[in-house]
Protein backbone atom coordinates (compact mmCIF):
# COMPACT_ATOMS: atom_id res chain seq x y z
CA MET A 1 16.01 81.57 33.22
CA PRO A 2 17.17 82.25 29.68
CA SER A 3 15.12 80.49 27.03
CA GLY A 4 18.12 78.62 25.62
CA THR A 5 18.98 77.16 29.05
CA HIS A 6 15.37 75.99 29.59
CA ASP A 7 15.30 74.31 26.17
CA ALA A 8 18.57 72.57 26.88
CA GLN A 9 17.24 71.19 30.19
CA LEU A 10 14.08 69.86 28.46
CA ALA A 11 16.17 68.17 25.80
CA ARG A 12 18.38 66.60 28.48
CA ARG A 13 15.35 65.24 30.35
CA ARG A 14 13.97 63.73 27.17
CA LEU A 15 17.26 62.06 26.41
CA LEU A 16 17.47 60.65 29.94
CA GLY A 17 13.89 59.39 29.69
CA ALA A 18 14.59 57.70 26.38
CA ALA A 19 17.73 56.10 27.77
CA ALA A 20 15.81 54.79 30.78
CA SER A 21 13.13 53.30 28.54
CA ALA A 22 15.76 51.68 26.35
CA SER A 23 17.42 50.27 29.46
CA LEU A 24 14.16 48.75 30.66
CA LEU A 25 13.48 47.19 27.26
CA SER A 26 16.97 45.75 27.07
CA ALA A 27 16.45 44.18 30.50
CA LEU A 28 13.46 42.18 29.22
CA PRO A 29 14.19 38.70 27.82
CA VAL A 30 14.18 38.71 24.05
CA GLY A 31 11.42 36.10 24.00
CA SER A 32 9.18 38.20 26.27
CA ALA A 33 9.63 41.25 24.07
CA ARG A 34 8.64 39.21 21.03
CA ALA A 35 5.68 37.72 22.86
CA GLN A 36 4.32 41.18 23.66
CA ALA A 37 4.07 41.89 19.93
CA PHE A 38 2.81 38.41 18.97
CA PRO A 39 1.31 37.86 16.49
CA SER A 40 2.55 40.48 14.07
CA ARG A 41 1.87 38.43 10.92
CA PRO A 42 -0.41 35.56 9.79
CA ILE A 43 -0.34 32.24 11.65
CA THR A 44 -0.31 29.01 9.64
CA LEU A 45 -2.41 26.16 11.05
CA ILE A 46 -1.73 22.83 9.35
CA VAL A 47 -4.68 20.46 8.96
CA PRO A 48 -3.15 17.05 8.16
CA PHE A 49 -6.20 15.87 6.21
CA PRO A 50 -7.69 16.83 2.83
CA ALA A 51 -9.83 19.93 2.33
CA GLY A 52 -13.56 19.40 2.73
CA GLY A 53 -13.34 16.71 5.42
CA VAL A 54 -14.70 17.00 8.93
CA THR A 55 -11.39 18.11 10.49
CA ASP A 56 -10.80 20.70 7.78
CA VAL A 57 -14.29 22.19 8.11
CA GLN A 58 -14.08 22.41 11.89
CA PHE A 59 -10.64 23.97 12.09
CA ARG A 60 -11.34 26.42 9.27
CA ALA A 61 -14.25 27.68 11.36
CA LEU A 62 -12.04 27.87 14.44
CA ALA A 63 -9.32 29.68 12.48
CA GLN A 64 -11.74 32.34 11.24
CA ILE A 65 -12.95 33.06 14.76
CA ALA A 66 -9.44 32.96 16.27
CA ALA A 67 -8.20 35.46 13.67
CA LYS A 68 -10.40 38.08 15.32
CA GLU A 69 -8.80 37.32 18.68
CA PHE A 70 -5.26 37.51 17.32
CA GLY A 71 -5.77 40.46 14.99
CA GLN A 72 -4.02 38.44 12.28
CA PRO A 73 -5.23 35.81 9.77
CA VAL A 74 -4.99 32.15 10.77
CA VAL A 75 -4.30 30.44 7.45
CA ILE A 76 -5.26 26.78 6.99
CA SER A 77 -2.76 24.60 5.12
CA ASN A 78 -4.04 21.13 4.15
CA ARG A 79 -1.22 18.57 4.14
CA PRO A 80 -2.60 15.01 4.24
CA GLY A 81 -0.49 11.91 4.52
CA ALA A 82 0.30 8.92 6.75
CA THR A 83 -3.16 8.92 8.40
CA GLY A 84 -2.76 12.53 9.45
CA THR A 85 0.67 12.15 11.05
CA LEU A 86 3.09 13.17 8.28
CA ALA A 87 2.61 16.95 8.33
CA PRO A 88 2.65 17.39 12.14
CA GLY A 89 5.85 15.37 12.26
CA GLN A 90 7.41 17.51 9.53
CA MET A 91 6.37 20.67 11.37
CA ALA A 92 7.95 19.39 14.57
CA GLY A 93 11.23 18.82 12.76
CA THR A 94 11.47 21.86 10.51
CA ALA A 95 9.29 24.77 11.71
CA ALA A 96 10.73 27.64 13.73
CA PRO A 97 9.41 27.61 17.32
CA ASP A 98 8.07 31.15 16.97
CA GLY A 99 4.34 30.36 17.11
CA TYR A 100 3.66 31.16 13.48
CA THR A 101 3.47 27.52 12.33
CA LEU A 102 1.14 25.20 14.22
CA SER A 103 -0.60 21.93 13.46
CA VAL A 104 -3.70 20.02 14.34
CA VAL A 105 -2.55 16.78 15.97
CA SER A 106 -4.76 13.69 16.25
CA SER A 107 -4.37 10.67 18.49
CA GLY A 108 -2.80 8.78 15.57
CA GLN A 109 0.39 10.76 16.17
CA PHE A 110 1.08 8.55 19.20
CA ARG A 111 0.60 5.33 17.23
CA MET A 112 2.77 5.97 14.20
CA PRO A 113 6.18 5.65 15.95
CA HIS A 114 5.20 2.09 16.90
CA VAL A 115 4.06 1.28 13.35
CA SER A 116 7.10 2.54 11.45
CA LYS A 117 10.34 4.40 11.96
CA VAL A 118 9.74 8.17 12.04
CA PRO A 119 12.17 11.08 12.52
CA TRP A 120 10.13 12.67 15.33
CA ASP A 121 9.06 11.83 18.86
CA PRO A 122 5.46 12.72 19.82
CA LEU A 123 6.40 13.03 23.49
CA ARG A 124 9.41 15.33 23.04
CA ASP A 125 9.13 17.20 19.75
CA PHE A 126 5.87 19.13 20.23
CA THR A 127 4.84 22.15 22.27
CA TRP A 128 1.22 21.55 23.22
CA ILE A 129 -1.15 24.49 22.99
CA LEU A 130 -4.56 22.98 23.89
CA GLY A 131 -7.08 20.23 23.20
CA VAL A 132 -10.08 21.25 21.09
CA THR A 133 -12.53 18.40 20.45
CA ALA A 134 -12.82 14.66 19.76
CA TYR A 135 -14.24 12.69 16.87
CA SER A 136 -17.53 10.84 17.29
CA PHE A 137 -16.68 7.52 15.65
CA GLY A 138 -19.53 5.32 14.44
CA VAL A 139 -20.23 2.48 12.05
CA ALA A 140 -22.04 3.90 9.03
CA VAL A 141 -23.46 2.30 5.87
CA ARG A 142 -25.32 3.91 3.00
CA THR A 143 -29.09 4.14 3.40
CA GLU A 144 -29.77 1.62 0.63
CA ALA A 145 -27.56 -1.04 2.28
CA PRO A 146 -29.30 -4.27 3.32
CA TRP A 147 -28.04 -4.21 6.92
CA LYS A 148 -30.49 -2.72 9.40
CA THR A 149 -28.48 -3.52 12.52
CA PHE A 150 -24.84 -4.03 13.45
CA ALA A 151 -25.60 -7.71 14.02
CA ASP A 152 -26.82 -7.95 10.40
CA LEU A 153 -23.52 -6.50 9.17
CA VAL A 154 -21.45 -8.86 11.32
CA ALA A 155 -23.43 -11.89 10.13
CA ASP A 156 -22.92 -10.97 6.46
CA ALA A 157 -19.20 -10.26 6.93
CA LYS A 158 -18.84 -13.60 8.71
CA ALA A 159 -20.72 -15.53 6.04
CA ASN A 160 -18.77 -13.85 3.22
CA PRO A 161 -15.18 -13.36 4.45
CA GLY A 162 -13.42 -10.42 2.79
CA LYS A 163 -16.34 -9.55 0.52
CA LEU A 164 -17.42 -6.41 2.39
CA THR A 165 -15.13 -3.38 2.26
CA MET A 166 -14.58 -0.78 4.96
CA GLY A 167 -13.06 2.65 4.44
CA THR A 168 -11.08 4.54 7.09
CA SER A 169 -8.49 7.29 7.19
CA GLY A 170 -5.72 4.71 7.18
CA ARG A 171 -4.54 1.29 8.28
CA GLY A 172 -4.25 1.13 12.05
CA ASN A 173 -6.46 4.12 12.84
CA VAL A 174 -8.82 3.74 15.79
CA GLY A 175 -11.83 2.83 13.63
CA HIS A 176 -9.87 0.12 11.85
CA VAL A 177 -8.56 -1.28 15.14
CA ALA A 178 -12.06 -1.24 16.65
CA MET A 179 -13.40 -3.32 13.75
CA GLU A 180 -10.43 -5.68 14.03
CA LYS A 181 -11.39 -6.23 17.66
CA VAL A 182 -14.95 -7.04 16.58
CA SER A 183 -13.54 -9.40 13.93
CA ARG A 184 -11.56 -11.30 16.55
CA SER A 185 -14.56 -11.78 18.81
CA THR A 186 -17.08 -12.64 16.07
CA GLY A 187 -15.06 -14.30 13.33
CA MET A 188 -16.15 -11.80 10.68
CA LYS A 189 -13.69 -10.49 8.09
CA MET A 190 -13.78 -7.29 6.02
CA THR A 191 -11.35 -5.83 3.51
CA LEU A 192 -9.77 -2.51 4.46
CA VAL A 193 -9.68 0.33 1.93
CA PRO A 194 -7.56 3.23 3.31
CA PHE A 195 -8.28 6.86 2.37
CA LYS A 196 -6.59 10.17 3.12
CA GLY A 197 -9.56 11.53 5.06
CA ALA A 198 -13.30 11.77 5.65
CA ALA A 199 -14.09 13.74 2.50
CA GLU A 200 -12.83 10.82 0.40
CA PHE A 201 -14.23 7.85 2.30
CA MET A 202 -17.67 9.39 2.83
CA ALA A 203 -17.95 10.13 -0.89
CA ALA A 204 -16.93 6.54 -1.61
CA LEU A 205 -19.51 5.21 0.85
CA VAL A 206 -22.39 7.26 -0.53
CA GLY A 207 -21.32 6.39 -4.08
CA GLY A 208 -21.45 2.68 -3.31
CA HIS A 209 -17.72 2.08 -3.81
CA ILE A 210 -17.25 0.76 -0.26
CA ASP A 211 -19.71 -0.86 2.13
CA VAL A 212 -18.88 0.41 5.62
CA VAL A 213 -17.23 3.38 7.32
CA PRO A 214 -16.07 2.77 10.92
CA ASP A 215 -14.87 6.33 11.42
CA GLY A 216 -15.97 9.92 12.00
CA GLY A 217 -17.20 12.53 9.52
CA TRP A 218 -20.59 10.92 8.82
CA GLY A 219 -22.75 13.59 10.52
CA THR A 220 -23.75 15.70 7.51
CA MET A 221 -24.49 12.65 5.37
CA ALA A 222 -26.53 11.03 8.13
CA ARG A 223 -28.63 14.16 8.59
CA ALA A 224 -29.21 14.28 4.85
CA GLY A 225 -30.51 10.71 4.95
CA LYS A 226 -27.69 9.36 2.79
CA VAL A 227 -26.15 7.04 5.38
CA ARG A 228 -27.46 4.89 8.23
CA LEU A 229 -25.72 4.49 11.58
CA LEU A 230 -25.55 0.95 12.94
CA ALA A 231 -23.50 1.56 16.08
CA MET A 232 -21.44 4.18 17.90
CA MET A 233 -17.90 3.75 19.20
CA THR A 234 -18.39 6.59 21.71
CA PRO A 235 -18.60 5.88 25.47
CA ASN A 236 -22.31 6.81 25.44
CA ARG A 237 -25.14 7.17 22.94
CA LEU A 238 -25.25 10.54 21.22
CA PRO A 239 -28.13 12.84 22.22
CA SER A 240 -28.80 13.58 18.55
CA TRP A 241 -28.94 9.85 17.68
CA PRO A 242 -30.54 8.29 20.77
CA ASP A 243 -31.68 5.14 18.97
CA VAL A 244 -28.19 4.15 17.83
CA PRO A 245 -26.56 1.78 20.37
CA THR A 246 -22.90 1.84 21.32
CA LEU A 247 -20.63 -1.08 20.54
CA LYS A 248 -20.27 -1.62 24.27
CA GLU A 249 -24.03 -1.98 24.61
CA LEU A 250 -23.92 -4.59 21.85
CA GLY A 251 -21.43 -6.68 23.81
CA HIS A 252 -18.16 -5.43 22.34
CA ASP A 253 -15.76 -3.93 24.89
CA ILE A 254 -14.84 -0.99 22.67
CA GLU A 255 -14.85 2.75 23.37
CA VAL A 256 -12.92 5.32 21.37
CA LEU A 257 -12.71 9.09 21.77
CA PRO A 258 -9.87 10.31 19.51
CA MET A 259 -8.76 13.79 20.55
CA LEU A 260 -7.82 16.66 18.25
CA MET A 261 -5.25 19.08 19.65
CA ILE A 262 -3.19 22.05 18.47
CA ALA A 263 0.59 22.00 18.86
CA GLY A 264 3.72 23.73 17.67
CA PRO A 265 7.34 22.58 17.50
CA LYS A 266 9.30 22.15 20.73
CA GLY A 267 11.06 25.12 22.30
CA MET A 268 8.33 27.76 22.02
CA ASP A 269 8.32 30.81 24.28
CA PRO A 270 5.82 30.15 27.13
CA ALA A 271 4.42 33.67 26.70
CA VAL A 272 3.66 32.96 23.03
CA VAL A 273 2.12 29.62 23.99
CA LYS A 274 -0.15 31.40 26.47
CA ARG A 275 -1.19 33.96 23.86
CA LEU A 276 -2.07 31.18 21.43
CA HIS A 277 -3.84 29.15 24.10
CA ASP A 278 -5.95 32.08 25.25
CA GLY A 279 -6.89 33.12 21.72
CA PHE A 280 -7.90 29.65 20.57
CA ARG A 281 -9.72 28.89 23.81
CA LYS A 282 -11.80 32.03 23.48
CA ALA A 283 -12.57 31.11 19.86
CA MET A 284 -13.66 27.63 20.98
CA ALA A 285 -16.27 29.21 23.24
CA ASP A 286 -17.90 31.03 20.33
CA PRO A 287 -21.38 29.59 19.56
CA ALA A 288 -20.51 29.67 15.85
CA PHE A 289 -17.78 27.09 16.44
CA GLN A 290 -20.05 24.82 18.46
CA LYS A 291 -22.59 25.00 15.64
CA VAL A 292 -19.97 23.62 13.25
CA LEU A 293 -19.11 20.82 15.70
CA ASP A 294 -22.81 20.00 16.05
CA ALA A 295 -22.93 19.02 12.39
CA ASP A 296 -20.69 16.06 13.22
CA ASN A 297 -22.11 15.38 16.68
CA GLN A 298 -19.03 16.68 18.45
CA THR A 299 -18.54 19.13 21.26
CA VAL A 300 -15.71 21.22 22.67
CA ILE A 301 -13.42 19.08 24.83
CA TYR A 302 -10.92 21.50 26.28
CA MET A 303 -7.55 20.38 27.59
CA ASP A 304 -4.73 22.68 28.66
CA ALA A 305 -1.13 22.03 27.62
CA GLU A 306 -0.36 19.81 30.60
CA ALA A 307 -3.50 17.73 30.04
CA CYS A 308 -2.46 17.30 26.38
CA ARG A 309 0.95 16.10 27.50
CA ARG A 310 -0.58 13.56 29.88
CA TYR A 311 -3.06 12.40 27.26
CA GLY A 312 -0.20 11.92 24.79
CA ALA A 313 1.87 9.90 27.24
CA GLU A 314 -1.09 7.63 28.01
CA ARG A 315 -2.03 7.19 24.34
CA PHE A 316 1.59 6.43 23.44
CA GLU A 317 1.65 3.44 25.78
CA GLU A 318 -1.84 2.27 24.78
CA GLU A 319 -0.92 2.45 21.11
CA ARG A 320 2.25 0.45 21.72
CA LYS A 321 0.10 -2.41 23.03
CA ILE A 322 -2.44 -2.14 20.19
CA VAL A 323 0.22 -2.18 17.48
CA ALA A 324 1.84 -5.24 19.04
CA GLU A 325 -1.50 -7.02 19.58
CA PHE A 326 -2.73 -6.53 16.02
CA GLY A 327 0.61 -6.83 14.26
CA LEU A 328 0.43 -3.37 12.74
CA ALA A 329 4.15 -2.65 12.78
CA GLN A 330 5.75 -2.37 9.34
CA PRO A 331 8.98 -4.28 8.61
CA GLN A 332 12.05 -2.12 9.22
CA GLN A 333 14.22 -1.56 6.18
């Protein structure tokens, strides 16, 4: 066979092969093709609380580990506001559903629509990726405080209505509601001082600017001997603080376990969701991440996307009742 003919046949085969490959690629859904290459640039993970707080520290650690799984940076963006619900709601309404903009979502997201009018729906406007952990809420006072037990605190707050101040991450958050429940059953009264997040209210507590914190984020300060725990709001006593009773043990029918989840805007490609889920779940299993959670007496509490959806639906209805019971709804303008 002449050399020119042989070369022509090889060139023809290559062209046919290339055409076949192009045909196969064109047959794939556009979303699937994108998912195969995902991620090809940094992912932004919104933390809706200030830098330096418990949520920020935990998810920065998770982001650093997850970046190794994704082969791209996971960049934390702190955007506090509206007790941690403003930024996730904005993401749901404005971010492209391409997987490159995600947010940490707390259980407060399911309360806010009952408190005030918001331009997003927590049951319809999010694509759930996975559940990560839950806060360990407790009642903390500074070490120098005169109250040695929760009963001491209640007695003082009852004898001096409104004199004692409590700091939380916002009016109507689970810690605030828990203390309102105690107030109803005991007759005590405290004055609420809302903050943007744990970094602020823990600094205020240690500095003596507020008296009580019924919230999370106290772990590091407690280990340093700067705050004293009077009671836990968790279902059970914490292994690391076995001498601290739960509110339920003390006769108050209160248990809280506020979840922290990761979500994106609605309409995300299922293949991208799976890639994100798998990467973050693997990062959650890293001992380095559990070590960070240990500092605040938390552990990994994994939920898949469907479990997050069910949790959200349940919380939404529970929060509707709480807001109505405690009159937390803001007047509509």
